[in-house]
Amino acid sequence: MARSTKEEALETRSRILDAAEQVFHERGVSHTSLADVAKAADVTRGAIYWHFKNKSDLFDAMCERVRLPMEAVLEENASPQVEDPLGEFLRSGVYVLTLASTDERCRRVFDIIFNKCEFADHEDPILVRQRECHVDGMLRLEQILTNAIARGQLPASLNIRVACLMAHATFSGLLTDWFFAPDSFDLVRDGERILAASLHALKSAPSLQKSADEAAPAA
């Protein structure tokens, strides 16, 4: 009986998340209430509060179903044990772009994040959580580039902070532009070439190297 009850609870939770994904995508996050989600999932609001503290918690759990597999790939690539950091970064980037363009759930959640989140309050818990995920991603990217320098794939003179900003802007820009106009380019084919070009720039662009002041040892 206990096992059946646990399985039923997991099934209800999954159904609520599926409904949230559907309604957030149709109406936008700000215009969706928990009552809307409850109706779509055919559950009571009490059932939602049993599984989730509030709309922010529900939104985050919905994103986690897509975010966790990608974070696992990035975390693995950030390990100092990786022998080809830049190669793995390119492969993982293409993997994410492929998921975004071909996996229905991933595509819908990404579309919600990029196009269906309308926030007037900069302290909205959902927006705050998205900022935290951004910071986590930048830290992993910084570790990947640091490993690439240690492996001799990138010059020691590279300004890692600026390089991270460029690499992240390239990747997020590809996703933003594609979700805005999916028919304007092939996300995987063109995206792979653009990501490869950005890695080439990390190796050779003078503007990405440390300035004389930045390269000088601290007094």
N, C-alpha and C. Protein backbone atom coordinates (compact mmCIF):
# COMPACT_ATOMS: atom_id res chain seq x y z
N MET A 1 0.84 -1.21 0.00
CA MET A 1 0.00 0.00 0.00
C MET A 1 0.86 1.25 0.00
N ALA A 2 1.93 1.26 0.85
CA ALA A 2 2.80 2.43 0.93
C ALA A 2 3.46 2.70 -0.41
N ARG A 3 3.90 1.61 -1.07
CA ARG A 3 4.55 1.77 -2.35
C ARG A 3 3.57 2.34 -3.37
N SER A 4 2.34 1.86 -3.36
CA SER A 4 1.33 2.36 -4.28
C SER A 4 1.06 3.84 -4.03
N THR A 5 0.98 4.21 -2.75
CA THR A 5 0.74 5.62 -2.41
C THR A 5 1.89 6.49 -2.88
N LYS A 6 3.11 6.02 -2.72
CA LYS A 6 4.28 6.78 -3.18
C LYS A 6 4.26 6.93 -4.69
N GLU A 7 3.94 5.86 -5.39
CA GLU A 7 3.88 5.92 -6.84
C GLU A 7 2.79 6.88 -7.31
N GLU A 8 1.66 6.88 -6.62
CA GLU A 8 0.58 7.79 -6.97
C GLU A 8 1.01 9.24 -6.75
N ALA A 9 1.72 9.48 -5.66
CA ALA A 9 2.20 10.84 -5.37
C ALA A 9 3.16 11.31 -6.45
N LEU A 10 4.06 10.43 -6.88
CA LEU A 10 5.01 10.79 -7.94
C LEU A 10 4.29 11.04 -9.26
N GLU A 11 3.26 10.23 -9.51
CA GLU A 11 2.49 10.42 -10.75
C GLU A 11 1.75 11.75 -10.72
N THR A 12 1.20 12.11 -9.57
CA THR A 12 0.50 13.38 -9.44
C THR A 12 1.48 14.54 -9.61
N ARG A 13 2.63 14.43 -9.00
CA ARG A 13 3.65 15.48 -9.13
C ARG A 13 4.05 15.67 -10.58
N SER A 14 4.26 14.57 -11.28
CA SER A 14 4.64 14.63 -12.69
C SER A 14 3.53 15.26 -13.52
N ARG A 15 2.27 14.91 -13.20
CA ARG A 15 1.14 15.47 -13.94
C ARG A 15 1.03 16.98 -13.72
N ILE A 16 1.30 17.42 -12.50
CA ILE A 16 1.28 18.86 -12.21
C ILE A 16 2.38 19.57 -12.99
N LEU A 17 3.55 18.99 -13.04
CA LEU A 17 4.66 19.60 -13.78
C LEU A 17 4.35 19.65 -15.27
N ASP A 18 3.77 18.59 -15.80
CA ASP A 18 3.39 18.60 -17.22
C ASP A 18 2.37 19.70 -17.50
N ALA A 19 1.40 19.85 -16.59
CA ALA A 19 0.37 20.87 -16.76
C ALA A 19 0.98 22.27 -16.66
N ALA A 20 1.88 22.46 -15.72
CA ALA A 20 2.54 23.77 -15.57
C ALA A 20 3.30 24.12 -16.84
N GLU A 21 4.01 23.15 -17.37
CA GLU A 21 4.76 23.36 -18.61
C GLU A 21 3.82 23.79 -19.73
N GLN A 22 2.69 23.14 -19.83
CA GLN A 22 1.71 23.45 -20.88
C GLN A 22 1.12 24.85 -20.69
N VAL A 23 0.69 25.16 -19.47
CA VAL A 23 0.00 26.43 -19.23
C VAL A 23 0.97 27.60 -19.26
N PHE A 24 2.16 27.43 -18.68
CA PHE A 24 3.17 28.48 -18.75
C PHE A 24 3.48 28.81 -20.22
N HIS A 25 3.55 27.78 -21.04
CA HIS A 25 3.88 27.98 -22.45
C HIS A 25 2.75 28.68 -23.19
N GLU A 26 1.53 28.35 -22.84
CA GLU A 26 0.38 28.94 -23.53
C GLU A 26 0.11 30.37 -23.08
N ARG A 27 0.22 30.64 -21.77
CA ARG A 27 -0.21 31.92 -21.22
C ARG A 27 0.92 32.84 -20.76
N GLY A 28 2.12 32.27 -20.61
CA GLY A 28 3.19 33.05 -20.01
C GLY A 28 3.21 32.84 -18.51
N VAL A 29 4.36 32.99 -17.91
CA VAL A 29 4.51 32.69 -16.49
C VAL A 29 3.74 33.67 -15.62
N SER A 30 3.86 34.95 -15.91
CA SER A 30 3.22 35.97 -15.07
C SER A 30 1.70 35.90 -15.11
N HIS A 31 1.16 35.43 -16.22
CA HIS A 31 -0.29 35.39 -16.38
C HIS A 31 -0.91 34.04 -15.99
N THR A 32 -0.10 33.18 -15.43
CA THR A 32 -0.58 31.86 -15.01
C THR A 32 -0.66 31.79 -13.49
N SER A 33 -1.79 31.34 -12.98
CA SER A 33 -1.96 31.15 -11.54
C SER A 33 -1.88 29.66 -11.21
N LEU A 34 -1.72 29.36 -9.94
CA LEU A 34 -1.73 27.97 -9.52
C LEU A 34 -3.10 27.33 -9.77
N ALA A 35 -4.16 28.13 -9.72
CA ALA A 35 -5.49 27.62 -10.03
C ALA A 35 -5.55 27.17 -11.49
N ASP A 36 -4.89 27.91 -12.38
CA ASP A 36 -4.84 27.52 -13.80
C ASP A 36 -4.13 26.18 -13.96
N VAL A 37 -3.04 26.03 -13.23
CA VAL A 37 -2.28 24.78 -13.31
C VAL A 37 -3.09 23.63 -12.73
N ALA A 38 -3.75 23.87 -11.62
CA ALA A 38 -4.57 22.83 -10.99
C ALA A 38 -5.67 22.36 -11.93
N LYS A 39 -6.30 23.29 -12.61
CA LYS A 39 -7.36 22.93 -13.55
C LYS A 39 -6.82 22.09 -14.70
N ALA A 40 -5.67 22.50 -15.24
CA ALA A 40 -5.08 21.77 -16.36
C ALA A 40 -4.62 20.38 -15.94
N ALA A 41 -4.17 20.24 -14.70
CA ALA A 41 -3.69 18.95 -14.20
C ALA A 41 -4.82 18.09 -13.63
N ASP A 42 -6.01 18.69 -13.52
CA ASP A 42 -7.17 18.01 -12.94
C ASP A 42 -6.89 17.58 -11.50
N VAL A 43 -6.33 18.52 -10.72
CA VAL A 43 -6.09 18.30 -9.30
C VAL A 43 -6.56 19.53 -8.54
N THR A 44 -6.60 19.45 -7.23
CA THR A 44 -6.96 20.60 -6.41
C THR A 44 -5.74 21.48 -6.18
N ARG A 45 -5.98 22.73 -5.78
CA ARG A 45 -4.85 23.59 -5.42
C ARG A 45 -4.11 23.01 -4.21
N GLY A 46 -4.85 22.33 -3.35
CA GLY A 46 -4.21 21.70 -2.20
C GLY A 46 -3.19 20.66 -2.62
N ALA A 47 -3.50 19.94 -3.71
CA ALA A 47 -2.56 18.93 -4.21
C ALA A 47 -1.28 19.60 -4.70
N ILE A 48 -1.43 20.76 -5.31
CA ILE A 48 -0.23 21.48 -5.77
C ILE A 48 0.61 21.91 -4.57
N TYR A 49 -0.05 22.46 -3.54
CA TYR A 49 0.69 22.92 -2.36
C TYR A 49 1.30 21.76 -1.58
N TRP A 50 0.78 20.57 -1.78
CA TRP A 50 1.38 19.40 -1.13
C TRP A 50 2.77 19.12 -1.72
N HIS A 51 2.89 19.38 -3.01
CA HIS A 51 4.15 19.07 -3.71
C HIS A 51 5.06 20.29 -3.87
N PHE A 52 4.48 21.49 -3.93
CA PHE A 52 5.27 22.69 -4.22
C PHE A 52 4.86 23.83 -3.29
N LYS A 53 5.84 24.59 -2.82
CA LYS A 53 5.56 25.66 -1.86
C LYS A 53 4.77 26.80 -2.49
N ASN A 54 5.08 27.12 -3.75
CA ASN A 54 4.46 28.26 -4.43
C ASN A 54 4.74 28.16 -5.92
N LYS A 55 4.35 29.17 -6.66
CA LYS A 55 4.55 29.13 -8.12
C LYS A 55 6.02 29.13 -8.47
N SER A 56 6.83 29.85 -7.70
CA SER A 56 8.26 29.87 -7.97
C SER A 56 8.86 28.47 -7.82
N ASP A 57 8.46 27.76 -6.78
CA ASP A 57 8.95 26.40 -6.55
C ASP A 57 8.51 25.47 -7.68
N LEU A 58 7.28 25.63 -8.13
CA LEU A 58 6.76 24.84 -9.24
C LEU A 58 7.53 25.13 -10.52
N PHE A 59 7.76 26.41 -10.80
CA PHE A 59 8.50 26.80 -12.00
C PHE A 59 9.91 26.21 -11.98
N ASP A 60 10.56 26.30 -10.82
CA ASP A 60 11.93 25.80 -10.71
C ASP A 60 11.97 24.29 -10.92
N ALA A 61 11.00 23.56 -10.36
CA ALA A 61 10.95 22.11 -10.53
C ALA A 61 10.72 21.75 -12.00
N MET A 62 9.89 22.54 -12.68
CA MET A 62 9.67 22.31 -14.11
C MET A 62 10.97 22.48 -14.89
N CYS A 63 11.72 23.54 -14.56
CA CYS A 63 12.98 23.79 -15.25
C CYS A 63 14.02 22.71 -14.93
N GLU A 64 13.99 22.21 -13.70
CA GLU A 64 14.98 21.21 -13.29
C GLU A 64 14.91 19.95 -14.14
N ARG A 65 13.73 19.60 -14.62
CA ARG A 65 13.61 18.39 -15.44
C ARG A 65 14.43 18.51 -16.72
N VAL A 66 14.64 19.73 -17.17
CA VAL A 66 15.47 19.96 -18.36
C VAL A 66 16.88 20.36 -17.95
N ARG A 67 16.97 21.16 -16.89
CA ARG A 67 18.26 21.73 -16.49
C ARG A 67 19.22 20.68 -15.96
N LEU A 68 18.74 19.73 -15.17
CA LEU A 68 19.62 18.79 -14.50
C LEU A 68 20.49 17.96 -15.46
N PRO A 69 19.92 17.38 -16.54
CA PRO A 69 20.78 16.63 -17.46
C PRO A 69 21.86 17.50 -18.08
N MET A 70 21.54 18.75 -18.39
CA MET A 70 22.52 19.63 -19.00
C MET A 70 23.57 20.06 -17.99
N GLU A 71 23.14 20.32 -16.76
CA GLU A 71 24.10 20.70 -15.71
C GLU A 71 25.06 19.56 -15.42
N ALA A 72 24.56 18.33 -15.50
CA ALA A 72 25.42 17.17 -15.26
C ALA A 72 26.54 17.11 -16.31
N VAL A 73 26.18 17.41 -17.56
CA VAL A 73 27.17 17.40 -18.63
C VAL A 73 28.21 18.50 -18.40
N LEU A 74 27.75 19.71 -18.07
CA LEU A 74 28.67 20.83 -17.84
C LEU A 74 29.56 20.57 -16.62
N GLU A 75 28.97 20.01 -15.57
CA GLU A 75 29.75 19.73 -14.36
C GLU A 75 30.84 18.71 -14.65
N GLU A 76 30.50 17.70 -15.43
CA GLU A 76 31.49 16.69 -15.80
C GLU A 76 32.61 17.31 -16.63
N ASN A 77 32.23 18.21 -17.57
CA ASN A 77 33.22 18.85 -18.43
C ASN A 77 34.12 19.82 -17.67
N ALA A 78 33.63 20.32 -16.53
CA ALA A 78 34.41 21.28 -15.73
C ALA A 78 35.45 20.60 -14.87
N SER A 79 35.46 19.27 -14.84
CA SER A 79 36.43 18.56 -14.02
C SER A 79 37.85 18.76 -14.54
N PRO A 80 38.82 18.98 -13.65
CA PRO A 80 40.22 19.13 -14.08
C PRO A 80 40.77 17.87 -14.74
N GLN A 81 40.07 16.75 -14.59
CA GLN A 81 40.54 15.49 -15.17
C GLN A 81 40.25 15.40 -16.67
N VAL A 82 39.41 16.27 -17.20
CA VAL A 82 39.07 16.22 -18.62
C VAL A 82 40.31 16.58 -19.45
N GLU A 83 40.66 15.73 -20.40
CA GLU A 83 41.88 15.93 -21.18
C GLU A 83 41.70 16.91 -22.34
N ASP A 84 40.47 17.05 -22.81
CA ASP A 84 40.20 17.94 -23.95
C ASP A 84 39.06 18.90 -23.58
N PRO A 85 39.33 19.87 -22.71
CA PRO A 85 38.26 20.75 -22.22
C PRO A 85 37.51 21.48 -23.34
N LEU A 86 38.22 22.01 -24.32
CA LEU A 86 37.55 22.76 -25.38
C LEU A 86 36.73 21.84 -26.28
N GLY A 87 37.27 20.67 -26.56
CA GLY A 87 36.52 19.71 -27.38
C GLY A 87 35.25 19.26 -26.68
N GLU A 88 35.36 19.00 -25.38
CA GLU A 88 34.18 18.58 -24.63
C GLU A 88 33.18 19.73 -24.50
N PHE A 89 33.67 20.95 -24.37
CA PHE A 89 32.78 22.10 -24.31
C PHE A 89 31.99 22.23 -25.60
N LEU A 90 32.66 22.07 -26.73
CA LEU A 90 31.97 22.16 -28.02
C LEU A 90 30.96 21.03 -28.16
N ARG A 91 31.35 19.82 -27.79
CA ARG A 91 30.42 18.68 -27.90
C ARG A 91 29.21 18.85 -26.99
N SER A 92 29.44 19.34 -25.76
CA SER A 92 28.31 19.53 -24.85
C SER A 92 27.42 20.67 -25.32
N GLY A 93 28.02 21.69 -25.92
CA GLY A 93 27.22 22.79 -26.46
C GLY A 93 26.32 22.32 -27.58
N VAL A 94 26.86 21.51 -28.47
CA VAL A 94 26.06 20.97 -29.57
C VAL A 94 24.97 20.05 -29.03
N TYR A 95 25.30 19.31 -27.98
CA TYR A 95 24.30 18.44 -27.34
C TYR A 95 23.11 19.25 -26.83
N VAL A 96 23.40 20.36 -26.16
CA VAL A 96 22.31 21.20 -25.64
C VAL A 96 21.51 21.81 -26.78
N LEU A 97 22.19 22.29 -27.82
CA LEU A 97 21.48 22.86 -28.96
C LEU A 97 20.60 21.81 -29.64
N THR A 98 21.09 20.59 -29.70
CA THR A 98 20.31 19.51 -30.30
C THR A 98 19.07 19.21 -29.46
N LEU A 99 19.24 19.15 -28.14
CA LEU A 99 18.08 18.96 -27.26
C LEU A 99 17.06 20.07 -27.44
N ALA A 100 17.55 21.30 -27.49
CA ALA A 100 16.66 22.46 -27.60
C ALA A 100 15.85 22.42 -28.88
N SER A 101 16.41 21.87 -29.94
CA SER A 101 15.72 21.89 -31.23
C SER A 101 14.91 20.63 -31.51
N THR A 102 15.21 19.53 -30.80
CA THR A 102 14.55 18.26 -31.15
C THR A 102 13.72 17.64 -30.03
N ASP A 103 14.08 17.91 -28.76
CA ASP A 103 13.36 17.32 -27.65
C ASP A 103 12.17 18.21 -27.28
N GLU A 104 10.97 17.66 -27.34
CA GLU A 104 9.76 18.47 -27.16
C GLU A 104 9.73 19.18 -25.81
N ARG A 105 10.05 18.46 -24.74
CA ARG A 105 10.01 19.08 -23.41
C ARG A 105 11.07 20.17 -23.29
N CYS A 106 12.28 19.85 -23.70
CA CYS A 106 13.36 20.83 -23.62
C CYS A 106 13.03 22.07 -24.43
N ARG A 107 12.49 21.86 -25.61
CA ARG A 107 12.16 22.99 -26.48
C ARG A 107 11.10 23.88 -25.83
N ARG A 108 10.09 23.25 -25.23
CA ARG A 108 9.01 24.02 -24.62
C ARG A 108 9.50 24.80 -23.40
N VAL A 109 10.31 24.16 -22.55
CA VAL A 109 10.81 24.83 -21.35
C VAL A 109 11.75 25.97 -21.73
N PHE A 110 12.61 25.75 -22.70
CA PHE A 110 13.50 26.82 -23.14
C PHE A 110 12.68 27.99 -23.70
N ASP A 111 11.64 27.67 -24.45
CA ASP A 111 10.80 28.73 -25.01
C ASP A 111 10.13 29.53 -23.90
N ILE A 112 9.72 28.84 -22.84
CA ILE A 112 9.13 29.53 -21.68
C ILE A 112 10.16 30.46 -21.06
N ILE A 113 11.37 29.96 -20.84
CA ILE A 113 12.42 30.76 -20.20
C ILE A 113 12.78 31.98 -21.03
N PHE A 114 12.92 31.80 -22.33
CA PHE A 114 13.38 32.88 -23.19
C PHE A 114 12.26 33.84 -23.62
N ASN A 115 11.04 33.33 -23.77
CA ASN A 115 10.00 34.15 -24.37
C ASN A 115 8.72 34.31 -23.55
N LYS A 116 8.55 33.52 -22.49
CA LYS A 116 7.27 33.55 -21.78
C LYS A 116 7.42 33.97 -20.32
N CYS A 117 8.53 34.59 -19.96
CA CYS A 117 8.73 35.08 -18.59
C CYS A 117 8.68 36.61 -18.63
N GLU A 118 7.61 37.17 -18.12
CA GLU A 118 7.45 38.62 -18.12
C GLU A 118 7.48 39.10 -16.66
N PHE A 119 8.58 39.75 -16.27
CA PHE A 119 8.73 40.13 -14.87
C PHE A 119 8.81 41.65 -14.73
N ALA A 120 7.92 42.21 -13.92
CA ALA A 120 7.97 43.63 -13.59
C ALA A 120 8.77 43.85 -12.32
N ASP A 121 8.80 42.84 -11.47
CA ASP A 121 9.50 42.92 -10.19
C ASP A 121 10.86 42.23 -10.31
N HIS A 122 11.93 43.00 -10.17
CA HIS A 122 13.29 42.44 -10.30
C HIS A 122 13.65 41.51 -9.15
N GLU A 123 12.85 41.51 -8.11
CA GLU A 123 13.08 40.62 -6.98
C GLU A 123 12.13 39.43 -7.00
N ASP A 124 11.45 39.23 -8.12
CA ASP A 124 10.58 38.06 -8.25
C ASP A 124 11.40 36.80 -8.00
N PRO A 125 10.93 35.88 -7.14
CA PRO A 125 11.71 34.68 -6.81
C PRO A 125 12.11 33.85 -8.03
N ILE A 126 11.25 33.82 -9.04
CA ILE A 126 11.59 33.07 -10.25
C ILE A 126 12.78 33.72 -10.95
N LEU A 127 12.75 35.03 -11.06
CA LEU A 127 13.85 35.75 -11.70
C LEU A 127 15.14 35.62 -10.89
N VAL A 128 15.02 35.68 -9.58
CA VAL A 128 16.18 35.53 -8.71
C VAL A 128 16.82 34.16 -8.92
N ARG A 129 15.98 33.13 -9.02
CA ARG A 129 16.50 31.77 -9.24
C ARG A 129 17.17 31.65 -10.61
N GLN A 130 16.62 32.31 -11.61
CA GLN A 130 17.24 32.28 -12.93
C GLN A 130 18.61 32.95 -12.90
N ARG A 131 18.73 34.02 -12.12
CA ARG A 131 20.04 34.68 -11.98
C ARG A 131 21.04 33.74 -11.31
N GLU A 132 20.59 33.01 -10.31
CA GLU A 132 21.47 32.07 -9.61
C GLU A 132 21.97 31.00 -10.57
N CYS A 133 21.10 30.50 -11.41
CA CYS A 133 21.50 29.48 -12.40
C CYS A 133 22.50 30.06 -13.39
N HIS A 134 22.29 31.33 -13.73
CA HIS A 134 23.24 32.01 -14.64
C HIS A 134 24.62 32.06 -14.00
N VAL A 135 24.69 32.44 -12.73
CA VAL A 135 25.96 32.54 -12.02
C VAL A 135 26.63 31.16 -11.95
N ASP A 136 25.85 30.13 -11.65
CA ASP A 136 26.40 28.76 -11.58
C ASP A 136 26.99 28.35 -12.92
N GLY A 137 26.27 28.67 -13.99
CA GLY A 137 26.76 28.32 -15.33
C GLY A 137 28.04 29.05 -15.67
N MET A 138 28.15 30.30 -15.28
CA MET A 138 29.37 31.07 -15.55
C MET A 138 30.55 30.51 -14.77
N LEU A 139 30.31 30.04 -13.55
CA LEU A 139 31.39 29.46 -12.75
C LEU A 139 31.90 28.17 -13.40
N ARG A 140 30.98 27.35 -13.91
CA ARG A 140 31.41 26.12 -14.59
C ARG A 140 32.18 26.45 -15.86
N LEU A 141 31.72 27.45 -16.58
CA LEU A 141 32.41 27.86 -17.80
C LEU A 141 33.81 28.38 -17.48
N GLU A 142 33.92 29.13 -16.41
CA GLU A 142 35.23 29.62 -15.98
C GLU A 142 36.18 28.47 -15.66
N GLN A 143 35.66 27.42 -15.03
CA GLN A 143 36.49 26.27 -14.70
C GLN A 143 36.93 25.54 -15.97
N ILE A 144 36.03 25.43 -16.95
CA ILE A 144 36.38 24.78 -18.22
C ILE A 144 37.51 25.54 -18.91
N LEU A 145 37.41 26.86 -18.96
CA LEU A 145 38.45 27.66 -19.61
C LEU A 145 39.76 27.60 -18.82
N THR A 146 39.66 27.58 -17.50
CA THR A 146 40.86 27.44 -16.67
C THR A 146 41.55 26.11 -16.95
N ASN A 147 40.77 25.06 -17.08
CA ASN A 147 41.33 23.74 -17.41
C ASN A 147 41.97 23.76 -18.79
N ALA A 148 41.34 24.47 -19.74
CA ALA A 148 41.89 24.54 -21.10
C ALA A 148 43.23 25.26 -21.11
N ILE A 149 43.38 26.27 -20.26
CA ILE A 149 44.67 26.96 -20.14
C ILE A 149 45.71 26.01 -19.56
N ALA A 150 45.32 25.27 -18.53
CA ALA A 150 46.24 24.32 -17.89
C ALA A 150 46.68 23.23 -18.86
N ARG A 151 45.80 22.86 -19.81
CA ARG A 151 46.11 21.82 -20.79
C ARG A 151 46.82 22.38 -22.02
N GLY A 152 47.07 23.69 -22.03
CA GLY A 152 47.77 24.29 -23.17
C GLY A 152 46.88 24.54 -24.37
N GLN A 153 45.56 24.44 -24.21
CA GLN A 153 44.65 24.67 -25.33
C GLN A 153 44.36 26.15 -25.52
N LEU A 154 44.55 26.94 -24.48
CA LEU A 154 44.33 28.38 -24.54
C LEU A 154 45.54 29.07 -23.94
N PRO A 155 45.82 30.30 -24.39
CA PRO A 155 46.99 31.01 -23.87
C PRO A 155 46.82 31.42 -22.41
N ALA A 156 47.92 31.42 -21.68
CA ALA A 156 47.87 31.83 -20.27
C ALA A 156 47.50 33.29 -20.13
N SER A 157 47.65 34.06 -21.20
CA SER A 157 47.35 35.49 -21.16
C SER A 157 45.86 35.78 -21.34
N LEU A 158 45.05 34.74 -21.52
CA LEU A 158 43.62 34.94 -21.77
C LEU A 158 42.95 35.61 -20.56
N ASN A 159 42.14 36.61 -20.83
CA ASN A 159 41.33 37.23 -19.79
C ASN A 159 40.10 36.34 -19.60
N ILE A 160 40.12 35.51 -18.57
CA ILE A 160 39.07 34.50 -18.40
C ILE A 160 37.70 35.14 -18.20
N ARG A 161 37.64 36.23 -17.47
CA ARG A 161 36.35 36.87 -17.21
C ARG A 161 35.70 37.32 -18.52
N VAL A 162 36.46 38.01 -19.36
CA VAL A 162 35.93 38.49 -20.63
C VAL A 162 35.63 37.31 -21.56
N ALA A 163 36.51 36.30 -21.54
CA ALA A 163 36.30 35.12 -22.38
C ALA A 163 35.02 34.40 -22.00
N CYS A 164 34.75 34.28 -20.71
CA CYS A 164 33.50 33.65 -20.26
C CYS A 164 32.29 34.44 -20.74
N LEU A 165 32.37 35.76 -20.63
CA LEU A 165 31.26 36.59 -21.09
C LEU A 165 30.99 36.38 -22.57
N MET A 166 32.06 36.32 -23.38
CA MET A 166 31.88 36.13 -24.81
C MET A 166 31.30 34.76 -25.13
N ALA A 167 31.85 33.73 -24.51
CA ALA A 167 31.37 32.37 -24.79
C ALA A 167 29.92 32.21 -24.37
N HIS A 168 29.58 32.74 -23.20
CA HIS A 168 28.20 32.64 -22.72
C HIS A 168 27.25 33.44 -23.60
N ALA A 169 27.67 34.64 -23.99
CA ALA A 169 26.82 35.48 -24.84
C ALA A 169 26.59 34.82 -26.20
N THR A 170 27.60 34.16 -26.71
CA THR A 170 27.46 33.46 -27.99
C THR A 170 26.43 32.34 -27.88
N PHE A 171 26.56 31.55 -26.82
CA PHE A 171 25.67 30.40 -26.65
C PHE A 171 24.23 30.85 -26.38
N SER A 172 24.06 31.75 -25.41
CA SER A 172 22.72 32.20 -25.08
C SER A 172 22.11 33.00 -26.22
N GLY A 173 22.95 33.72 -26.97
CA GLY A 173 22.44 34.46 -28.12
C GLY A 173 21.90 33.54 -29.20
N LEU A 174 22.57 32.42 -29.42
CA LEU A 174 22.07 31.44 -30.39
C LEU A 174 20.68 30.95 -29.99
N LEU A 175 20.52 30.60 -28.73
CA LEU A 175 19.23 30.11 -28.27
C LEU A 175 18.16 31.20 -28.32
N THR A 176 18.50 32.40 -27.88
CA THR A 176 17.54 33.50 -27.89
C THR A 176 17.07 33.80 -29.31
N ASP A 177 18.00 33.91 -30.24
CA ASP A 177 17.63 34.23 -31.62
C ASP A 177 16.82 33.11 -32.26
N TRP A 178 17.20 31.85 -31.96
CA TRP A 178 16.49 30.74 -32.59
C TRP A 178 15.07 30.61 -32.06
N PHE A 179 14.89 30.77 -30.75
CA PHE A 179 13.54 30.67 -30.21
C PHE A 179 12.66 31.85 -30.64
N PHE A 180 13.30 32.97 -30.93
CA PHE A 180 12.54 34.12 -31.44
C PHE A 180 12.11 33.88 -32.88
N ALA A 181 12.99 33.26 -33.68
CA ALA A 181 12.69 33.01 -35.10
C ALA A 181 13.29 31.67 -35.50
N PRO A 182 12.62 30.56 -35.17
CA PRO A 182 13.19 29.22 -35.39
C PRO A 182 13.51 28.90 -36.85
N ASP A 183 12.82 29.53 -37.78
CA ASP A 183 13.05 29.23 -39.19
C ASP A 183 14.19 30.05 -39.80
N SER A 184 14.81 30.90 -39.00
CA SER A 184 15.82 31.81 -39.56
C SER A 184 17.19 31.14 -39.75
N PHE A 185 17.45 30.07 -39.00
CA PHE A 185 18.71 29.34 -39.20
C PHE A 185 18.60 27.97 -38.54
N ASP A 186 19.53 27.08 -38.90
CA ASP A 186 19.58 25.74 -38.34
C ASP A 186 20.36 25.80 -37.03
N LEU A 187 19.67 25.60 -35.92
CA LEU A 187 20.30 25.79 -34.61
C LEU A 187 21.50 24.86 -34.41
N VAL A 188 21.40 23.61 -34.83
CA VAL A 188 22.49 22.66 -34.59
C VAL A 188 23.62 22.86 -35.58
N ARG A 189 23.29 22.86 -36.87
CA ARG A 189 24.35 22.97 -37.89
C ARG A 189 25.07 24.30 -37.81
N ASP A 190 24.32 25.40 -37.85
CA ASP A 190 24.94 26.72 -37.80
C ASP A 190 25.50 27.00 -36.41
N GLY A 191 24.79 26.52 -35.38
CA GLY A 191 25.25 26.75 -34.02
C GLY A 191 26.60 26.12 -33.75
N GLU A 192 26.82 24.91 -34.27
CA GLU A 192 28.12 24.25 -34.07
C GLU A 192 29.24 25.07 -34.69
N ARG A 193 29.02 25.60 -35.87
CA ARG A 193 30.05 26.40 -36.54
C ARG A 193 30.34 27.68 -35.77
N ILE A 194 29.29 28.31 -35.24
CA ILE A 194 29.47 29.56 -34.50
C ILE A 194 30.18 29.31 -33.18
N LEU A 195 29.80 28.21 -32.49
CA LEU A 195 30.50 27.88 -31.25
C LEU A 195 31.97 27.57 -31.51
N ALA A 196 32.25 26.86 -32.60
CA ALA A 196 33.64 26.55 -32.95
C ALA A 196 34.41 27.84 -33.25
N ALA A 197 33.75 28.78 -33.91
CA ALA A 197 34.39 30.06 -34.22
C ALA A 197 34.70 30.83 -32.94
N SER A 198 33.79 30.75 -31.97
CA SER A 198 34.03 31.46 -30.70
C SER A 198 35.21 30.85 -29.95
N LEU A 199 35.36 29.53 -30.03
CA LEU A 199 36.52 28.89 -29.38
C LEU A 199 37.81 29.28 -30.09
N HIS A 200 37.75 29.40 -31.40
CA HIS A 200 38.93 29.84 -32.15
C HIS A 200 39.32 31.26 -31.72
N ALA A 201 38.31 32.10 -31.51
CA ALA A 201 38.57 33.47 -31.08
C ALA A 201 39.25 33.49 -29.71
N LEU A 202 38.87 32.57 -28.83
CA LEU A 202 39.50 32.51 -27.51
C LEU A 202 41.00 32.26 -27.63
N LYS A 203 41.39 31.54 -28.67
CA LYS A 203 42.80 31.20 -28.83
C LYS A 203 43.62 32.34 -29.43
N SER A 204 42.97 33.19 -30.22
CA SER A 204 43.77 34.12 -31.02
C SER A 204 43.38 35.59 -30.96
N ALA A 205 42.18 35.92 -30.49
CA ALA A 205 41.74 37.32 -30.54
C ALA A 205 42.53 38.18 -29.55
N PRO A 206 43.24 39.20 -30.02
CA PRO A 206 44.01 40.06 -29.11
C PRO A 206 43.13 40.74 -28.06
N SER A 207 41.89 41.06 -28.42
CA SER A 207 41.00 41.77 -27.49
C SER A 207 40.56 40.91 -26.31
N LEU A 208 40.81 39.60 -26.39
CA LEU A 208 40.44 38.71 -25.29
C LEU A 208 41.61 38.41 -24.36
N GLN A 209 42.77 38.99 -24.67
CA GLN A 209 43.93 38.78 -23.82
C GLN A 209 43.98 39.84 -22.71
N LYS A 210 44.69 39.51 -21.66
CA LYS A 210 44.83 40.45 -20.55
C LYS A 210 45.58 41.70 -20.99
N SER A 211 45.14 42.83 -20.48
CA SER A 211 45.88 44.07 -20.72
C SER A 211 47.16 44.05 -19.91
N ALA A 212 48.02 45.02 -20.15
CA ALA A 212 49.29 45.08 -19.42
C ALA A 212 49.03 45.21 -17.92
N ASP A 213 48.03 45.99 -17.56
CA ASP A 213 47.71 46.17 -16.13
C ASP A 213 47.18 44.87 -15.52
N GLU A 214 46.36 44.16 -16.29
CA GLU A 214 45.78 42.91 -15.78
C GLU A 214 46.82 41.81 -15.68
N ALA A 215 47.80 41.83 -16.59
CA ALA A 215 48.83 40.79 -16.62
C ALA A 215 49.90 41.01 -15.56
N ALA A 216 50.04 42.25 -15.10
CA ALA A 216 51.10 42.56 -14.12
C ALA A 216 50.78 41.90 -12.78
N PRO A 217 51.75 41.30 -12.11
CA PRO A 217 51.51 40.68 -10.80
C PRO A 217 51.13 41.73 -9.76
N ALA A 218 50.29 41.31 -8.84
CA ALA A 218 49.86 42.23 -7.79
C ALA A 218 51.03 42.63 -6.92
N ALA A 219 51.04 43.89 -6.52
CA ALA A 219 52.15 44.40 -5.70
C ALA A 219 52.09 43.83 -4.30
